[in-house]
Amino acid sequence: KERRLISERTRAALGARRAQGTKL
């Protein structure tokens, strides 16, 4: 579960950066 939560937080952070216009 900890590993899954870390993965979900990482995806959420990347999504937020994309929404702000950051090129990934």
PDB file of all heavy atoms in Angstrom:
ATOM      1  N   LYS A   1       0.837  -1.209   0.000  1.00  0.00           N
ATOM      2  CA  LYS A   1       0.000   0.000   0.000  1.00  0.00           C
ATOM      3  C   LYS A   1       0.863   1.247   0.000  1.00  0.00           C
ATOM      4  O   LYS A   1       0.571   2.229  -0.705  1.00  0.00           O
ATOM      5  CB  LYS A   1      -0.915   0.003   1.222  1.00  0.00           C
ATOM      6  CG  LYS A   1      -1.849   1.210   1.258  1.00  0.00           C
ATOM      7  CD  LYS A   1      -2.820   1.134   2.415  1.00  0.00           C
ATOM      8  CE  LYS A   1      -3.760   2.341   2.398  1.00  0.00           C
ATOM      9  NZ  LYS A   1      -4.732   2.290   3.519  1.00  0.00           N
ATOM     10  N   GLU A   2       1.950   1.237   0.775  1.00  0.00           N
ATOM     11  CA  GLU A   2       2.849   2.387   0.802  1.00  0.00           C
ATOM     12  C   GLU A   2       3.431   2.650  -0.585  1.00  0.00           C
ATOM     13  O   GLU A   2       3.509   3.787  -1.045  1.00  0.00           O
ATOM     14  CB  GLU A   2       3.973   2.153   1.810  1.00  0.00           C
ATOM     15  CG  GLU A   2       4.955   3.320   1.896  1.00  0.00           C
ATOM     16  CD  GLU A   2       6.124   3.025   2.816  1.00  0.00           C
ATOM     17  OE1 GLU A   2       6.333   1.832   3.135  1.00  0.00           O
ATOM     18  OE2 GLU A   2       6.822   3.958   3.197  1.00  0.00           O
ATOM     19  N   ARG A   3       3.842   1.565  -1.267  1.00  0.00           N
ATOM     20  CA  ARG A   3       4.403   1.723  -2.605  1.00  0.00           C
ATOM     21  C   ARG A   3       3.374   2.296  -3.566  1.00  0.00           C
ATOM     22  O   ARG A   3       3.676   3.146  -4.388  1.00  0.00           O
ATOM     23  CB  ARG A   3       4.899   0.363  -3.110  1.00  0.00           C
ATOM     24  CG  ARG A   3       5.657   0.452  -4.445  1.00  0.00           C
ATOM     25  CD  ARG A   3       6.204  -0.890  -4.847  1.00  0.00           C
ATOM     26  NE  ARG A   3       5.151  -1.834  -5.159  1.00  0.00           N
ATOM     27  CZ  ARG A   3       5.031  -3.024  -4.593  1.00  0.00           C
ATOM     28  NH1 ARG A   3       5.870  -3.410  -3.671  1.00  0.00           N
ATOM     29  NH2 ARG A   3       4.042  -3.836  -4.940  1.00  0.00           N
ATOM     30  N   ARG A   4       2.105   1.829  -3.444  1.00  0.00           N
ATOM     31  CA  ARG A   4       1.042   2.332  -4.312  1.00  0.00           C
ATOM     32  C   ARG A   4       0.750   3.809  -4.039  1.00  0.00           C
ATOM     33  O   ARG A   4       0.545   4.597  -4.972  1.00  0.00           O
ATOM     34  CB  ARG A   4      -0.214   1.492  -4.127  1.00  0.00           C
ATOM     35  CG  ARG A   4      -1.345   1.890  -5.082  1.00  0.00           C
ATOM     36  CD  ARG A   4      -2.484   0.878  -5.041  1.00  0.00           C
ATOM     37  NE  ARG A   4      -3.104   0.812  -3.726  1.00  0.00           N
ATOM     38  CZ  ARG A   4      -2.991  -0.214  -2.891  1.00  0.00           C
ATOM     39  NH1 ARG A   4      -2.267  -1.264  -3.232  1.00  0.00           N
ATOM     40  NH2 ARG A   4      -3.589  -0.202  -1.716  1.00  0.00           N
ATOM     41  N   LEU A   5       0.754   4.203  -2.764  1.00  0.00           N
ATOM     42  CA  LEU A   5       0.501   5.602  -2.417  1.00  0.00           C
ATOM     43  C   LEU A   5       1.610   6.509  -2.947  1.00  0.00           C
ATOM     44  O   LEU A   5       1.341   7.617  -3.431  1.00  0.00           O
ATOM     45  CB  LEU A   5       0.380   5.752  -0.903  1.00  0.00           C
ATOM     46  CG  LEU A   5      -0.882   5.167  -0.262  1.00  0.00           C
ATOM     47  CD1 LEU A   5      -0.803   5.263   1.252  1.00  0.00           C
ATOM     48  CD2 LEU A   5      -2.124   5.877  -0.780  1.00  0.00           C
ATOM     49  N   ILE A   6       2.847   6.038  -2.873  1.00  0.00           N
ATOM     50  CA  ILE A   6       3.962   6.825  -3.408  1.00  0.00           C
ATOM     51  C   ILE A   6       3.794   7.018  -4.907  1.00  0.00           C
ATOM     52  O   ILE A   6       3.983   8.113  -5.443  1.00  0.00           O
ATOM     53  CB  ILE A   6       5.305   6.140  -3.096  1.00  0.00           C
ATOM     54  CG1 ILE A   6       5.592   6.221  -1.596  1.00  0.00           C
ATOM     55  CG2 ILE A   6       6.439   6.792  -3.878  1.00  0.00           C
ATOM     56  CD1 ILE A   6       6.798   5.414  -1.162  1.00  0.00           C
ATOM     57  N   SER A   7       3.398   5.947  -5.607  1.00  0.00           N
ATOM     58  CA  SER A   7       3.182   6.043  -7.054  1.00  0.00           C
ATOM     59  C   SER A   7       2.057   7.016  -7.379  1.00  0.00           C
ATOM     60  O   SER A   7       2.164   7.831  -8.301  1.00  0.00           O
ATOM     61  CB  SER A   7       2.864   4.652  -7.617  1.00  0.00           C
ATOM     62  OG  SER A   7       2.582   4.709  -8.991  1.00  0.00           O
ATOM     63  N   GLU A   8       0.968   6.946  -6.595  1.00  0.00           N
ATOM     64  CA  GLU A   8      -0.167   7.843  -6.845  1.00  0.00           C
ATOM     65  C   GLU A   8       0.211   9.298  -6.585  1.00  0.00           C
ATOM     66  O   GLU A   8      -0.191  10.199  -7.343  1.00  0.00           O
ATOM     67  CB  GLU A   8      -1.349   7.439  -5.961  1.00  0.00           C
ATOM     68  CG  GLU A   8      -1.977   6.101  -6.378  1.00  0.00           C
ATOM     69  CD  GLU A   8      -3.029   5.627  -5.381  1.00  0.00           C
ATOM     70  OE1 GLU A   8      -3.172   6.294  -4.318  1.00  0.00           O
ATOM     71  OE2 GLU A   8      -3.688   4.608  -5.650  1.00  0.00           O
ATOM     72  N   ARG A   9       0.975   9.544  -5.535  1.00  0.00           N
ATOM     73  CA  ARG A   9       1.398  10.920  -5.249  1.00  0.00           C
ATOM     74  C   ARG A   9       2.313  11.443  -6.338  1.00  0.00           C
ATOM     75  O   ARG A   9       2.247  12.624  -6.716  1.00  0.00           O
ATOM     76  CB  ARG A   9       2.100  10.973  -3.882  1.00  0.00           C
ATOM     77  CG  ARG A   9       1.153  10.855  -2.699  1.00  0.00           C
ATOM     78  CD  ARG A   9       1.829  11.287  -1.410  1.00  0.00           C
ATOM     79  NE  ARG A   9       2.911  10.401  -1.034  1.00  0.00           N
ATOM     80  CZ  ARG A   9       2.769   9.363  -0.214  1.00  0.00           C
ATOM     81  NH1 ARG A   9       1.578   9.086   0.299  1.00  0.00           N
ATOM     82  NH2 ARG A   9       3.795   8.617   0.101  1.00  0.00           N
ATOM     83  N   THR A  10       3.170  10.571  -6.860  1.00  0.00           N
ATOM     84  CA  THR A  10       4.064  10.988  -7.938  1.00  0.00           C
ATOM     85  C   THR A  10       3.277  11.366  -9.186  1.00  0.00           C
ATOM     86  O   THR A  10       3.533  12.393  -9.817  1.00  0.00           O
ATOM     87  CB  THR A  10       5.061   9.861  -8.265  1.00  0.00           C
ATOM     88  OG1 THR A  10       5.834   9.555  -7.094  1.00  0.00           O
ATOM     89  CG2 THR A  10       6.005  10.287  -9.384  1.00  0.00           C
ATOM     90  N   ARG A  11       2.288  10.529  -9.552  1.00  0.00           N
ATOM     91  CA  ARG A  11       1.463  10.838 -10.715  1.00  0.00           C
ATOM     92  C   ARG A  11       0.681  12.130 -10.517  1.00  0.00           C
ATOM     93  O   ARG A  11       0.538  12.941 -11.445  1.00  0.00           O
ATOM     94  CB  ARG A  11       0.513   9.682 -11.011  1.00  0.00           C
ATOM     95  CG  ARG A  11       1.190   8.452 -11.600  1.00  0.00           C
ATOM     96  CD  ARG A  11       0.164   7.527 -12.263  1.00  0.00           C
ATOM     97  NE  ARG A  11      -0.832   7.068 -11.304  1.00  0.00           N
ATOM     98  CZ  ARG A  11      -0.712   5.968 -10.574  1.00  0.00           C
ATOM     99  NH1 ARG A  11       0.372   5.213 -10.697  1.00  0.00           N
ATOM    100  NH2 ARG A  11      -1.676   5.602  -9.733  1.00  0.00           N
ATOM    101  N   ALA A  12       0.169  12.344  -9.299  1.00  0.00           N
ATOM    102  CA  ALA A  12      -0.581  13.564  -9.027  1.00  0.00           C
ATOM    103  C   ALA A  12       0.311  14.794  -9.142  1.00  0.00           C
ATOM    104  O   ALA A  12      -0.099  15.828  -9.688  1.00  0.00           O
ATOM    105  CB  ALA A  12      -1.206  13.492  -7.630  1.00  0.00           C
ATOM    106  N   ALA A  13       1.543  14.693  -8.647  1.00  0.00           N
ATOM    107  CA  ALA A  13       2.465  15.822  -8.727  1.00  0.00           C
ATOM    108  C   ALA A  13       2.821  16.141 -10.168  1.00  0.00           C
ATOM    109  O   ALA A  13       2.878  17.310 -10.567  1.00  0.00           O
ATOM    110  CB  ALA A  13       3.731  15.513  -7.916  1.00  0.00           C
ATOM    111  N   LEU A  14       3.034  15.096 -10.980  1.00  0.00           N
ATOM    112  CA  LEU A  14       3.339  15.313 -12.398  1.00  0.00           C
ATOM    113  C   LEU A  14       2.147  15.936 -13.110  1.00  0.00           C
ATOM    114  O   LEU A  14       2.310  16.828 -13.967  1.00  0.00           O
ATOM    115  CB  LEU A  14       3.726  13.994 -13.058  1.00  0.00           C
ATOM    116  CG  LEU A  14       5.066  13.387 -12.612  1.00  0.00           C
ATOM    117  CD1 LEU A  14       5.266  12.019 -13.246  1.00  0.00           C
ATOM    118  CD2 LEU A  14       6.225  14.317 -12.966  1.00  0.00           C
ATOM    119  N   GLY A  15       0.927  15.467 -12.762  1.00  0.00           N
ATOM    120  CA  GLY A  15      -0.268  16.041 -13.363  1.00  0.00           C
ATOM    121  C   GLY A  15      -0.420  17.519 -13.028  1.00  0.00           C
ATOM    122  O   GLY A  15      -0.803  18.330 -13.877  1.00  0.00           O
ATOM    123  N   ALA A  16      -0.108  17.883 -11.778  1.00  0.00           N
ATOM    124  CA  ALA A  16      -0.194  19.283 -11.374  1.00  0.00           C
ATOM    125  C   ALA A  16       0.813  20.135 -12.130  1.00  0.00           C
ATOM    126  O   ALA A  16       0.515  21.263 -12.537  1.00  0.00           O
ATOM    127  CB  ALA A  16       0.030  19.390  -9.866  1.00  0.00           C
ATOM    128  N   ARG A  17       2.007  19.586 -12.350  1.00  0.00           N
ATOM    129  CA  ARG A  17       3.026  20.336 -13.085  1.00  0.00           C
ATOM    130  C   ARG A  17       2.622  20.530 -14.544  1.00  0.00           C
ATOM    131  O   ARG A  17       2.846  21.584 -15.129  1.00  0.00           O
ATOM    132  CB  ARG A  17       4.369  19.609 -12.993  1.00  0.00           C
ATOM    133  CG  ARG A  17       4.968  19.629 -11.596  1.00  0.00           C
ATOM    134  CD  ARG A  17       6.306  18.927 -11.560  1.00  0.00           C
ATOM    135  NE  ARG A  17       7.281  19.617 -12.412  1.00  0.00           N
ATOM    136  CZ  ARG A  17       8.490  19.126 -12.689  1.00  0.00           C
ATOM    137  NH1 ARG A  17       8.834  17.929 -12.192  1.00  0.00           N
ATOM    138  NH2 ARG A  17       9.327  19.793 -13.439  1.00  0.00           N
ATOM    139  N   ARG A  18       2.005  19.494 -15.128  1.00  0.00           N
ATOM    140  CA  ARG A  18       1.518  19.643 -16.506  1.00  0.00           C
ATOM    141  C   ARG A  18       0.436  20.714 -16.577  1.00  0.00           C
ATOM    142  O   ARG A  18       0.395  21.512 -17.524  1.00  0.00           O
ATOM    143  CB  ARG A  18       0.965  18.310 -17.016  1.00  0.00           C
ATOM    144  CG  ARG A  18       2.002  17.227 -17.257  1.00  0.00           C
ATOM    145  CD  ARG A  18       1.401  16.059 -18.025  1.00  0.00           C
ATOM    146  NE  ARG A  18       2.292  14.923 -18.071  1.00  0.00           N
ATOM    147  CZ  ARG A  18       2.262  13.906 -17.218  1.00  0.00           C
ATOM    148  NH1 ARG A  18       1.362  13.900 -16.240  1.00  0.00           N
ATOM    149  NH2 ARG A  18       3.116  12.901 -17.329  1.00  0.00           N
ATOM    150  N   ALA A  19      -0.467  20.721 -15.579  1.00  0.00           N
ATOM    151  CA  ALA A  19      -1.548  21.701 -15.571  1.00  0.00           C
ATOM    152  C   ALA A  19      -1.009  23.124 -15.466  1.00  0.00           C
ATOM    153  O   ALA A  19      -1.628  24.081 -15.950  1.00  0.00           O
ATOM    154  CB  ALA A  19      -2.497  21.414 -14.410  1.00  0.00           C
ATOM    155  N   GLN A  20       0.169  23.274 -14.851  1.00  0.00           N
ATOM    156  CA  GLN A  20       0.783  24.587 -14.711  1.00  0.00           C
ATOM    157  C   GLN A  20       1.607  24.969 -15.936  1.00  0.00           C
ATOM    158  O   GLN A  20       2.215  26.042 -15.975  1.00  0.00           O
ATOM    159  CB  GLN A  20       1.684  24.606 -13.471  1.00  0.00           C
ATOM    160  CG  GLN A  20       0.916  24.448 -12.159  1.00  0.00           C
ATOM    161  CD  GLN A  20       1.830  24.199 -10.983  1.00  0.00           C
ATOM    162  OE1 GLN A  20       3.055  24.134 -11.139  1.00  0.00           O
ATOM    163  NE2 GLN A  20       1.253  24.046  -9.796  1.00  0.00           N
ATOM    164  N   GLY A  21       1.629  24.080 -16.926  1.00  0.00           N
ATOM    165  CA  GLY A  21       2.349  24.385 -18.157  1.00  0.00           C
ATOM    166  C   GLY A  21       3.791  23.949 -18.179  1.00  0.00           C
ATOM    167  O   GLY A  21       4.532  24.273 -19.120  1.00  0.00           O
ATOM    168  N   THR A  22       4.212  23.181 -17.151  1.00  0.00           N
ATOM    169  CA  THR A  22       5.600  22.708 -17.125  1.00  0.00           C
ATOM    170  C   THR A  22       5.781  21.591 -18.136  1.00  0.00           C
ATOM    171  O   THR A  22       4.983  20.655 -18.195  1.00  0.00           O
ATOM    172  CB  THR A  22       5.961  22.178 -15.726  1.00  0.00           C
ATOM    173  OG1 THR A  22       5.742  23.215 -14.772  1.00  0.00           O
ATOM    174  CG2 THR A  22       7.420  21.731 -15.667  1.00  0.00           C
ATOM    175  N   LYS A  23       6.817  21.682 -18.946  1.00  0.00           N
ATOM    176  CA  LYS A  23       7.107  20.648 -19.929  1.00  0.00           C
ATOM    177  C   LYS A  23       7.879  19.520 -19.255  1.00  0.00           C
ATOM    178  O   LYS A  23       8.906  19.743 -18.639  1.00  0.00           O
ATOM    179  CB  LYS A  23       7.921  21.221 -21.093  1.00  0.00           C
ATOM    180  CG  LYS A  23       7.146  22.213 -21.936  1.00  0.00           C
ATOM    181  CD  LYS A  23       7.978  22.683 -23.116  1.00  0.00           C
ATOM    182  CE  LYS A  23       7.186  23.650 -24.005  1.00  0.00           C
ATOM    183  NZ  LYS A  23       7.988  24.122 -25.160  1.00  0.00           N
ATOM    184  N   LEU A  24       7.330  18.319 -19.375  1.00  0.00           N
ATOM    185  CA  LEU A  24       7.946  17.151 -18.764  1.00  0.00           C
ATOM    186  C   LEU A  24       8.514  16.240 -19.837  1.00  0.00           C
ATOM    187  O   LEU A  24       8.220  16.379 -21.017  1.00  0.00           O
ATOM    188  CB  LEU A  24       6.904  16.383 -17.941  1.00  0.00           C
ATOM    189  CG  LEU A  24       6.187  17.196 -16.858  1.00  0.00           C
ATOM    190  CD1 LEU A  24       5.125  16.332 -16.202  1.00  0.00           C
ATOM    191  CD2 LEU A  24       7.169  17.714 -15.817  1.00  0.00           C
TER     192      LEU A  24
END
